[in-house]
C-alpha cells in the first residue's frame, strides 16, 4: 500500500475548523434572535398604522383621534413599550389628509452589556394607496 504524505491528499475538516464553524453558527443564531423579532414587530406596526391611517383619512379624523384609535389597537394587538406619539412624526396634520413617518428604535440584548439597536425611519402610506396625494 502506498502511504499518502501530501497535504493535498488529506480530506476533511480539522477540529479547529469545526470549533470555529460552531462558534460562527452560534453567533449568527444569537444575532438572528436579536434582530428578527424587531423587524417582525416593525412590519406589524407599519401594517397597523397604515390601516388606521386609511380609516382616519376616510373618516376625516383629527390627529388626536387617529392617535387614540391607534393606541387602542396597539394595546389590543401588540406589546410596545412606547406610545404612538413617540414612534410617529406627523408630516401632514390636516383632517382627511393625515400623513406620518415612523421614527423609533428597538434595543435587544446581544450578550452582557452589548445591545443591538435597530432604528426604523420611513414614511407610512395609508393602506391600499400607491401614493399619497396632497390635494
C-alpha atoms as a PDB file:
ATOM      1  CA  UNK A   1       0.000   0.000   0.000  1.00  0.00           C
ATOM      2  CA  UNK A   2       1.118   3.438  -0.792  1.00  0.00           C
ATOM      3  CA  UNK A   3       1.363   5.860   2.098  1.00  0.00           C
ATOM      4  CA  UNK A   4      -0.135   9.340   1.495  1.00  0.00           C
ATOM      5  CA  UNK A   5       2.046  12.088   2.895  1.00  0.00           C
ATOM      6  CA  UNK A   6       0.969  15.012   0.756  1.00  0.00           C
ATOM      7  CA  UNK A   7      -1.193  17.759   2.319  1.00  0.00           C
ATOM      8  CA  UNK A   8      -3.331  17.878  -0.807  1.00  0.00           C
ATOM      9  CA  UNK A   9      -4.242  14.234  -0.311  1.00  0.00           C
ATOM     10  CA  UNK A  10      -5.756  14.893   3.120  1.00  0.00           C
ATOM     11  CA  UNK A  11      -9.526  15.256   3.302  1.00  0.00           C
ATOM     12  CA  UNK A  12     -11.988  16.539   5.909  1.00  0.00           C
ATOM     13  CA  UNK A  13     -12.029  19.369   8.393  1.00  0.00           C
ATOM     14  CA  UNK A  14      -9.757  19.764  11.352  1.00  0.00           C
ATOM     15  CA  UNK A  15     -11.094  20.044  14.887  1.00  0.00           C
ATOM     16  CA  UNK A  16     -10.160  23.734  14.922  1.00  0.00           C
ATOM     17  CA  UNK A  17     -12.202  24.389  11.769  1.00  0.00           C
ATOM     18  CA  UNK A  18     -15.213  22.596  13.235  1.00  0.00           C
ATOM     19  CA  UNK A  19     -14.969  24.565  16.508  1.00  0.00           C
ATOM     20  CA  UNK A  20     -14.725  27.896  14.650  1.00  0.00           C
ATOM     21  CA  UNK A  21     -17.671  26.927  12.436  1.00  0.00           C
ATOM     22  CA  UNK A  22     -19.787  26.083  15.511  1.00  0.00           C
ATOM     23  CA  UNK A  23     -18.858  29.393  17.159  1.00  0.00           C
ATOM     24  CA  UNK A  24     -19.751  31.306  13.970  1.00  0.00           C
ATOM     25  CA  UNK A  25     -23.097  29.495  13.695  1.00  0.00           C
ATOM     26  CA  UNK A  26     -23.837  30.238  17.347  1.00  0.00           C
ATOM     27  CA  UNK A  27     -23.095  33.947  16.889  1.00  0.00           C
ATOM     28  CA  UNK A  28     -25.241  34.108  13.754  1.00  0.00           C
ATOM     29  CA  UNK A  29     -28.109  32.373  15.530  1.00  0.00           C
ATOM     30  CA  UNK A  30     -27.837  34.763  18.503  1.00  0.00           C
ATOM     31  CA  UNK A  31     -27.746  37.743  16.138  1.00  0.00           C
ATOM     32  CA  UNK A  32     -30.842  36.445  14.352  1.00  0.00           C
ATOM     33  CA  UNK A  33     -32.651  36.000  17.659  1.00  0.00           C
ATOM     34  CA  UNK A  34     -31.864  39.637  18.484  1.00  0.00           C
ATOM     35  CA  UNK A  35     -32.719  41.177  15.092  1.00  0.00           C
ATOM     36  CA  UNK A  36     -35.589  39.200  13.559  1.00  0.00           C
ATOM     37  CA  UNK A  37     -38.246  40.000  16.226  1.00  0.00           C
ATOM     38  CA  UNK A  38     -37.571  43.738  15.811  1.00  0.00           C
ATOM     39  CA  UNK A  39     -38.192  43.548  12.066  1.00  0.00           C
ATOM     40  CA  UNK A  40     -41.320  41.417  12.503  1.00  0.00           C
ATOM     41  CA  UNK A  41     -42.605  43.946  15.056  1.00  0.00           C
ATOM     42  CA  UNK A  42     -41.863  46.837  12.694  1.00  0.00           C
ATOM     43  CA  UNK A  43     -43.727  45.089   9.886  1.00  0.00           C
ATOM     44  CA  UNK A  44     -46.768  44.563  12.109  1.00  0.00           C
ATOM     45  CA  UNK A  45     -46.612  48.137  13.442  1.00  0.00           C
ATOM     46  CA  UNK A  46     -46.340  49.595   9.923  1.00  0.00           C
ATOM     47  CA  UNK A  47     -49.253  47.488   8.693  1.00  0.00           C
ATOM     48  CA  UNK A  48     -51.438  48.560  11.633  1.00  0.00           C
ATOM     49  CA  UNK A  49     -50.554  52.249  11.251  1.00  0.00           C
ATOM     50  CA  UNK A  50     -51.272  52.117   7.506  1.00  0.00           C
ATOM     51  CA  UNK A  51     -54.720  50.615   8.134  1.00  0.00           C
ATOM     52  CA  UNK A  52     -55.563  53.079  10.916  1.00  0.00           C
ATOM     53  CA  UNK A  53     -54.279  55.955   8.754  1.00  0.00           C
ATOM     54  CA  UNK A  54     -56.609  54.907   5.929  1.00  0.00           C
ATOM     55  CA  UNK A  55     -59.561  54.681   8.338  1.00  0.00           C
ATOM     56  CA  UNK A  56     -58.721  58.077   9.866  1.00  0.00           C
ATOM     57  CA  UNK A  57     -58.388  59.796   6.479  1.00  0.00           C
ATOM     58  CA  UNK A  58     -61.629  58.232   5.201  1.00  0.00           C
ATOM     59  CA  UNK A  59     -63.463  59.472   8.332  1.00  0.00           C
ATOM     60  CA  UNK A  60     -61.609  62.846   8.262  1.00  0.00           C
ATOM     61  CA  UNK A  61     -60.369  62.373  11.833  1.00  0.00           C
ATOM     62  CA  UNK A  62     -58.012  64.730  13.613  1.00  0.00           C
ATOM     63  CA  UNK A  63     -54.507  63.660  14.607  1.00  0.00           C
ATOM     64  CA  UNK A  64     -55.639  63.201  18.233  1.00  0.00           C
ATOM     65  CA  UNK A  65     -58.486  60.876  17.214  1.00  0.00           C
ATOM     66  CA  UNK A  66     -56.097  58.923  14.983  1.00  0.00           C
ATOM     67  CA  UNK A  67     -53.585  58.532  17.813  1.00  0.00           C
ATOM     68  CA  UNK A  68     -56.322  57.435  20.253  1.00  0.00           C
ATOM     69  CA  UNK A  69     -57.574  54.769  17.827  1.00  0.00           C
ATOM     70  CA  UNK A  70     -54.019  53.627  17.131  1.00  0.00           C
ATOM     71  CA  UNK A  71     -53.181  53.418  20.826  1.00  0.00           C
ATOM     72  CA  UNK A  72     -56.322  51.372  21.438  1.00  0.00           C
ATOM     73  CA  UNK A  73     -55.371  48.950  18.638  1.00  0.00           C
ATOM     74  CA  UNK A  74     -51.789  48.658  19.883  1.00  0.00           C
ATOM     75  CA  UNK A  75     -52.992  47.833  23.381  1.00  0.00           C
ATOM     76  CA  UNK A  76     -55.098  45.009  21.920  1.00  0.00           C
ATOM     77  CA  UNK A  77     -52.743  43.641  19.272  1.00  0.00           C
ATOM     78  CA  UNK A  78     -49.190  44.207  20.449  1.00  0.00           C
ATOM     79  CA  UNK A  79     -46.861  44.880  23.316  1.00  0.00           C
ATOM     80  CA  UNK A  80     -44.945  48.074  22.566  1.00  0.00           C
ATOM     81  CA  UNK A  81     -43.037  49.923  25.257  1.00  0.00           C
ATOM     82  CA  UNK A  82     -43.527  53.275  23.528  1.00  0.00           C
ATOM     83  CA  UNK A  83     -46.677  55.226  22.830  1.00  0.00           C
ATOM     84  CA  UNK A  84     -47.661  56.074  19.225  1.00  0.00           C
ATOM     85  CA  UNK A  85     -46.820  59.753  19.863  1.00  0.00           C
ATOM     86  CA  UNK A  86     -43.207  58.720  20.493  1.00  0.00           C
ATOM     87  CA  UNK A  87     -42.993  56.426  17.463  1.00  0.00           C
ATOM     88  CA  UNK A  88     -44.605  58.624  14.788  1.00  0.00           C
ATOM     89  CA  UNK A  89     -43.967  62.063  13.328  1.00  0.00           C
ATOM     90  CA  UNK A  90     -46.818  63.815  11.510  1.00  0.00           C
ATOM     91  CA  UNK A  91     -45.866  65.279   8.131  1.00  0.00           C
ATOM     92  CA  UNK A  92     -49.434  66.495   7.480  1.00  0.00           C
ATOM     93  CA  UNK A  93     -51.942  67.172  10.268  1.00  0.00           C
ATOM     94  CA  UNK A  94     -54.928  68.179   8.150  1.00  0.00           C
ATOM     95  CA  UNK A  95     -58.038  66.049   8.856  1.00  0.00           C
ATOM     96  CA  UNK A  96     -58.594  63.723   5.909  1.00  0.00           C
ATOM     97  CA  UNK A  97     -55.002  64.152   4.694  1.00  0.00           C
ATOM     98  CA  UNK A  98     -53.049  62.818   7.676  1.00  0.00           C
ATOM     99  CA  UNK A  99     -49.537  61.640   6.828  1.00  0.00           C
ATOM    100  CA  UNK A 100     -46.975  60.095   9.172  1.00  0.00           C
ATOM    101  CA  UNK A 101     -43.420  58.816   9.324  1.00  0.00           C
ATOM    102  CA  UNK A 102     -42.236  56.171  11.757  1.00  0.00           C
ATOM    103  CA  UNK A 103     -39.214  57.163  13.817  1.00  0.00           C
ATOM    104  CA  UNK A 104     -38.196  54.846  16.655  1.00  0.00           C
ATOM    105  CA  UNK A 105     -35.549  52.394  17.822  1.00  0.00           C
ATOM    106  CA  UNK A 106     -35.740  48.893  19.295  1.00  0.00           C
ATOM    107  CA  UNK A 107     -32.977  47.589  21.561  1.00  0.00           C
ATOM    108  CA  UNK A 108     -32.309  43.933  22.260  1.00  0.00           C
ATOM    109  CA  UNK A 109     -29.611  42.430  24.442  1.00  0.00           C
ATOM    110  CA  UNK A 110     -26.973  40.594  22.428  1.00  0.00           C
ATOM    111  CA  UNK A 111     -24.651  39.484  25.208  1.00  0.00           C
ATOM    112  CA  UNK A 112     -23.905  41.002  28.597  1.00  0.00           C
ATOM    113  CA  UNK A 113     -23.730  44.774  28.186  1.00  0.00           C
ATOM    114  CA  UNK A 114     -23.760  44.594  24.382  1.00  0.00           C
ATOM    115  CA  UNK A 115     -27.008  45.632  22.717  1.00  0.00           C
ATOM    116  CA  UNK A 116     -28.316  45.504  19.174  1.00  0.00           C
ATOM    117  CA  UNK A 117     -30.095  48.743  18.248  1.00  0.00           C
ATOM    118  CA  UNK A 118     -32.491  48.677  15.279  1.00  0.00           C
ATOM    119  CA  UNK A 119     -33.667  52.096  14.074  1.00  0.00           C
ATOM    120  CA  UNK A 120     -36.807  52.341  11.972  1.00  0.00           C
ATOM    121  CA  UNK A 121     -37.488  55.502   9.966  1.00  0.00           C
ATOM    122  CA  UNK A 122     -39.831  55.527   6.991  1.00  0.00           C
ATOM    123  CA  UNK A 123     -42.893  57.197   5.575  1.00  0.00           C
ATOM    124  CA  UNK A 124     -46.047  55.164   6.146  1.00  0.00           C
ATOM    125  CA  UNK A 125     -48.693  55.402   3.444  1.00  0.00           C
ATOM    126  CA  UNK A 126     -52.386  54.670   4.085  1.00  0.00           C
ATOM    127  CA  UNK A 127     -53.338  51.044   3.381  1.00  0.00           C
ATOM    128  CA  UNK A 128     -54.380  50.409  -0.191  1.00  0.00           C
ATOM    129  CA  UNK A 129     -52.809  53.566  -1.620  1.00  0.00           C
ATOM    130  CA  UNK A 130     -49.872  53.519  -4.000  1.00  0.00           C
ATOM    131  CA  UNK A 131     -49.026  57.138  -3.355  1.00  0.00           C
ATOM    132  CA  UNK A 132     -50.144  59.872  -1.006  1.00  0.00           C
ATOM    133  CA  UNK A 133     -51.852  62.826  -2.694  1.00  0.00           C
ATOM    134  CA  UNK A 134     -51.552  66.308  -1.238  1.00  0.00           C
ATOM    135  CA  UNK A 135     -54.861  67.661  -2.502  1.00  0.00           C
END
